[in-house]
Amino acid sequence: MDEAQTSSSSTSSVSPGSKRSAHDDDQDHHSSLGEDAKLPRMRHQPGTEIRYTSLPTAKYPPGATPQEITRHSMDAGYRLEQYLLKFKK
């Protein structure tokens, strides 16, 4: 075998139409460094996913007067109350 064949056979060839994820590249990288034995095997545990809370978008209550709209626009107390009410349910 000549050098060109040796170097191409040692690296993984990916055709332009095939899809590789970043995870595949990371595994290739870790395997080539021999780090698999040093790193723990990470697995997803049910119930440990990130749970995002939606924030209220209304800045003032429906039917508010112009004075109340101004007050609620300057003070986020209404939005905070609406947010905290979600946790009491």
N, C-alpha and C. Protein backbone atom coordinates (compact mmCIF):
# COMPACT_ATOMS: atom_id res chain seq x y z
N MET A 1 0.83 -1.18 0.00
CA MET A 1 0.00 0.00 0.00
C MET A 1 0.88 1.24 0.00
N ASP A 2 0.48 2.25 -0.75
CA ASP A 2 1.25 3.50 -0.73
C ASP A 2 0.69 4.42 0.35
N GLU A 3 1.33 5.58 0.55
CA GLU A 3 0.94 6.50 1.63
C GLU A 3 -0.48 7.01 1.47
N ALA A 4 -0.91 7.32 0.25
CA ALA A 4 -2.25 7.86 0.03
C ALA A 4 -3.31 6.85 0.45
N GLN A 5 -3.10 5.57 0.13
CA GLN A 5 -4.07 4.55 0.50
C GLN A 5 -4.07 4.33 2.01
N THR A 6 -2.91 4.38 2.63
CA THR A 6 -2.82 4.17 4.07
C THR A 6 -3.53 5.28 4.82
N SER A 7 -3.30 6.53 4.44
CA SER A 7 -3.91 7.63 5.17
C SER A 7 -5.41 7.67 4.94
N SER A 8 -5.89 7.31 3.75
CA SER A 8 -7.33 7.33 3.52
C SER A 8 -8.01 6.17 4.24
N SER A 9 -7.34 5.05 4.42
CA SER A 9 -7.97 3.93 5.10
C SER A 9 -7.97 4.12 6.61
N SER A 10 -7.09 4.96 7.15
CA SER A 10 -7.06 5.16 8.59
C SER A 10 -8.10 6.17 9.04
N THR A 11 -8.53 7.06 8.14
CA THR A 11 -9.57 8.00 8.50
C THR A 11 -10.88 7.49 7.96
N SER A 12 -11.97 7.85 8.61
CA SER A 12 -13.27 7.39 8.14
C SER A 12 -13.69 8.25 6.96
N SER A 13 -14.13 7.62 5.91
CA SER A 13 -14.56 8.38 4.75
C SER A 13 -16.06 8.56 4.83
N VAL A 14 -16.50 9.76 4.53
CA VAL A 14 -17.91 10.10 4.57
C VAL A 14 -18.28 10.61 3.21
N SER A 15 -19.26 9.98 2.60
CA SER A 15 -19.68 10.44 1.29
C SER A 15 -20.46 11.73 1.45
N PRO A 16 -20.47 12.60 0.43
CA PRO A 16 -21.15 13.88 0.55
C PRO A 16 -22.63 13.76 0.90
N GLY A 17 -23.29 12.68 0.50
CA GLY A 17 -24.71 12.52 0.78
C GLY A 17 -25.01 11.97 2.16
N SER A 18 -24.03 11.39 2.83
CA SER A 18 -24.31 10.80 4.14
C SER A 18 -24.28 11.88 5.21
N LYS A 19 -24.99 11.59 6.29
CA LYS A 19 -25.08 12.57 7.39
C LYS A 19 -24.36 12.03 8.60
N ARG A 20 -23.51 12.85 9.18
CA ARG A 20 -22.83 12.50 10.42
C ARG A 20 -23.15 13.57 11.43
N SER A 21 -23.39 13.18 12.64
CA SER A 21 -23.71 14.16 13.67
C SER A 21 -22.44 14.55 14.41
N ALA A 22 -22.57 15.61 15.20
CA ALA A 22 -21.45 16.04 16.02
C ALA A 22 -21.10 14.96 17.03
N HIS A 23 -22.12 14.17 17.44
CA HIS A 23 -21.89 13.08 18.39
C HIS A 23 -20.97 12.03 17.77
N ASP A 24 -21.18 11.73 16.47
CA ASP A 24 -20.31 10.76 15.79
C ASP A 24 -18.87 11.26 15.78
N ASP A 25 -18.70 12.56 15.49
CA ASP A 25 -17.36 13.13 15.46
C ASP A 25 -16.71 13.09 16.83
N ASP A 26 -17.51 13.35 17.89
CA ASP A 26 -16.98 13.31 19.25
C ASP A 26 -16.54 11.90 19.61
N GLN A 27 -17.34 10.90 19.21
CA GLN A 27 -16.96 9.53 19.53
C GLN A 27 -15.68 9.15 18.81
N ASP A 28 -15.55 9.55 17.54
CA ASP A 28 -14.31 9.28 16.81
C ASP A 28 -13.13 9.93 17.50
N HIS A 29 -13.33 11.17 17.96
CA HIS A 29 -12.26 11.92 18.62
C HIS A 29 -11.86 11.24 19.93
N HIS A 30 -12.87 10.86 20.75
CA HIS A 30 -12.56 10.21 22.03
C HIS A 30 -11.91 8.85 21.82
N SER A 31 -12.39 8.11 20.84
CA SER A 31 -11.83 6.79 20.60
C SER A 31 -10.38 6.88 20.18
N SER A 32 -10.08 7.87 19.34
CA SER A 32 -8.71 8.00 18.86
C SER A 32 -7.76 8.43 19.98
N LEU A 33 -8.29 9.07 21.01
CA LEU A 33 -7.45 9.51 22.12
C LEU A 33 -7.38 8.47 23.24
N GLY A 34 -8.19 7.43 23.15
CA GLY A 34 -8.20 6.41 24.19
C GLY A 34 -8.82 6.90 25.48
N GLU A 35 -9.72 7.87 25.38
CA GLU A 35 -10.33 8.45 26.57
C GLU A 35 -11.56 7.71 27.04
N ASP A 36 -12.05 6.77 26.24
CA ASP A 36 -13.26 6.05 26.62
C ASP A 36 -13.12 5.37 27.98
N ALA A 37 -11.96 4.85 28.27
CA ALA A 37 -11.74 4.16 29.53
C ALA A 37 -11.68 5.14 30.70
N LYS A 38 -11.34 6.39 30.43
CA LYS A 38 -11.18 7.39 31.49
C LYS A 38 -12.48 8.13 31.81
N LEU A 39 -13.39 8.21 30.84
CA LEU A 39 -14.62 8.97 31.02
C LEU A 39 -15.76 8.07 31.45
N PRO A 40 -16.65 8.59 32.32
CA PRO A 40 -17.81 7.77 32.72
C PRO A 40 -18.78 7.64 31.55
N ARG A 41 -19.53 6.56 31.53
CA ARG A 41 -20.54 6.35 30.49
C ARG A 41 -21.78 7.15 30.89
N MET A 42 -22.03 8.26 30.22
CA MET A 42 -23.14 9.16 30.56
C MET A 42 -24.42 8.63 29.90
N ARG A 43 -25.47 8.51 30.68
CA ARG A 43 -26.76 8.07 30.18
C ARG A 43 -27.86 8.99 30.69
N HIS A 44 -28.86 9.21 29.87
CA HIS A 44 -30.00 10.06 30.25
C HIS A 44 -30.86 9.34 31.29
N GLN A 45 -31.17 10.02 32.36
CA GLN A 45 -32.03 9.48 33.40
C GLN A 45 -33.40 10.13 33.27
N PRO A 46 -34.48 9.35 33.22
CA PRO A 46 -35.82 9.93 33.14
C PRO A 46 -36.08 10.86 34.32
N GLY A 47 -36.68 12.00 34.03
CA GLY A 47 -37.01 12.97 35.07
C GLY A 47 -35.91 13.97 35.34
N THR A 48 -34.79 13.89 34.63
CA THR A 48 -33.70 14.83 34.88
C THR A 48 -33.57 15.87 33.77
N GLU A 49 -34.52 15.87 32.82
CA GLU A 49 -34.44 16.84 31.74
C GLU A 49 -34.73 18.25 32.25
N ILE A 50 -34.30 19.24 31.51
CA ILE A 50 -34.54 20.64 31.89
C ILE A 50 -36.01 20.94 31.66
N ARG A 51 -36.64 21.53 32.65
CA ARG A 51 -38.04 21.90 32.55
C ARG A 51 -38.15 23.42 32.58
N TYR A 52 -38.52 23.99 31.45
CA TYR A 52 -38.64 25.43 31.34
C TYR A 52 -40.04 25.88 31.74
N THR A 53 -40.12 27.03 32.38
CA THR A 53 -41.39 27.61 32.77
C THR A 53 -41.69 28.77 31.84
N SER A 54 -42.89 28.78 31.30
CA SER A 54 -43.25 29.90 30.43
C SER A 54 -43.53 31.13 31.29
N LEU A 55 -43.07 32.25 30.80
CA LEU A 55 -43.26 33.51 31.51
C LEU A 55 -44.49 34.22 30.96
N PRO A 56 -45.22 34.94 31.82
CA PRO A 56 -46.40 35.66 31.34
C PRO A 56 -45.98 36.76 30.36
N THR A 57 -46.75 36.91 29.30
CA THR A 57 -46.44 37.93 28.31
C THR A 57 -47.25 39.20 28.50
N ALA A 58 -48.37 39.11 29.21
CA ALA A 58 -49.20 40.29 29.44
C ALA A 58 -48.54 41.19 30.47
N LYS A 59 -48.34 42.44 30.09
CA LYS A 59 -47.70 43.39 31.00
C LYS A 59 -48.71 44.04 31.94
N TYR A 60 -49.97 43.98 31.57
CA TYR A 60 -51.02 44.58 32.39
C TYR A 60 -52.29 43.75 32.21
N PRO A 61 -53.21 43.86 33.18
CA PRO A 61 -54.43 43.05 33.11
C PRO A 61 -55.33 43.51 31.96
N PRO A 62 -56.13 42.58 31.45
CA PRO A 62 -57.06 42.98 30.38
C PRO A 62 -58.05 44.01 30.90
N GLY A 63 -58.37 44.98 30.07
CA GLY A 63 -59.33 46.02 30.45
C GLY A 63 -58.73 47.10 31.35
N ALA A 64 -57.42 47.18 31.45
CA ALA A 64 -56.77 48.17 32.31
C ALA A 64 -56.94 49.58 31.73
N THR A 65 -57.04 50.55 32.61
CA THR A 65 -57.13 51.95 32.19
C THR A 65 -55.75 52.43 31.76
N PRO A 66 -55.68 53.54 31.02
CA PRO A 66 -54.36 54.05 30.63
C PRO A 66 -53.44 54.29 31.83
N GLN A 67 -54.00 54.73 32.95
CA GLN A 67 -53.20 54.95 34.15
C GLN A 67 -52.63 53.62 34.67
N GLU A 68 -53.45 52.57 34.68
CA GLU A 68 -52.99 51.25 35.13
C GLU A 68 -51.95 50.67 34.17
N ILE A 69 -52.14 50.90 32.87
CA ILE A 69 -51.18 50.41 31.88
C ILE A 69 -49.82 51.04 32.14
N THR A 70 -49.82 52.36 32.39
CA THR A 70 -48.56 53.06 32.67
C THR A 70 -47.92 52.50 33.93
N ARG A 71 -48.72 52.32 34.98
CA ARG A 71 -48.18 51.82 36.24
C ARG A 71 -47.60 50.42 36.08
N HIS A 72 -48.30 49.52 35.39
CA HIS A 72 -47.83 48.15 35.21
C HIS A 72 -46.65 48.09 34.25
N SER A 73 -46.55 49.05 33.33
CA SER A 73 -45.40 49.07 32.42
C SER A 73 -44.14 49.50 33.14
N MET A 74 -44.27 50.31 34.19
CA MET A 74 -43.11 50.77 34.96
C MET A 74 -42.74 49.78 36.07
N ASP A 75 -43.72 49.02 36.54
CA ASP A 75 -43.51 48.08 37.63
C ASP A 75 -43.91 46.68 37.16
N ALA A 76 -43.05 45.71 37.32
CA ALA A 76 -43.32 44.35 36.85
C ALA A 76 -44.04 43.51 37.90
N GLY A 77 -44.65 44.13 38.88
CA GLY A 77 -45.34 43.40 39.94
C GLY A 77 -46.48 42.54 39.42
N TYR A 78 -47.24 43.03 38.45
CA TYR A 78 -48.35 42.25 37.89
C TYR A 78 -47.82 40.97 37.23
N ARG A 79 -46.77 41.09 36.45
CA ARG A 79 -46.20 39.92 35.79
C ARG A 79 -45.64 38.94 36.82
N LEU A 80 -45.02 39.45 37.87
CA LEU A 80 -44.48 38.59 38.92
C LEU A 80 -45.61 37.83 39.61
N GLU A 81 -46.71 38.52 39.91
CA GLU A 81 -47.85 37.85 40.54
C GLU A 81 -48.41 36.75 39.64
N GLN A 82 -48.54 37.03 38.34
CA GLN A 82 -49.04 36.04 37.40
C GLN A 82 -48.11 34.83 37.32
N TYR A 83 -46.83 35.09 37.36
CA TYR A 83 -45.83 34.02 37.33
C TYR A 83 -45.93 33.14 38.58
N LEU A 84 -46.03 33.76 39.74
CA LEU A 84 -46.10 33.01 41.00
C LEU A 84 -47.41 32.24 41.14
N LEU A 85 -48.48 32.73 40.52
CA LEU A 85 -49.74 32.00 40.58
C LEU A 85 -49.65 30.64 39.90
N LYS A 86 -48.77 30.50 38.94
CA LYS A 86 -48.60 29.21 38.25
C LYS A 86 -48.14 28.12 39.20
N PHE A 87 -47.42 28.50 40.24
CA PHE A 87 -46.86 27.51 41.17
C PHE A 87 -47.85 27.13 42.27
N LYS A 88 -48.89 27.94 42.47
CA LYS A 88 -49.90 27.62 43.49
C LYS A 88 -50.92 26.61 42.99
N LYS A 89 -50.99 26.42 41.69
CA LYS A 89 -51.99 25.50 41.12
C LYS A 89 -51.63 24.07 41.36
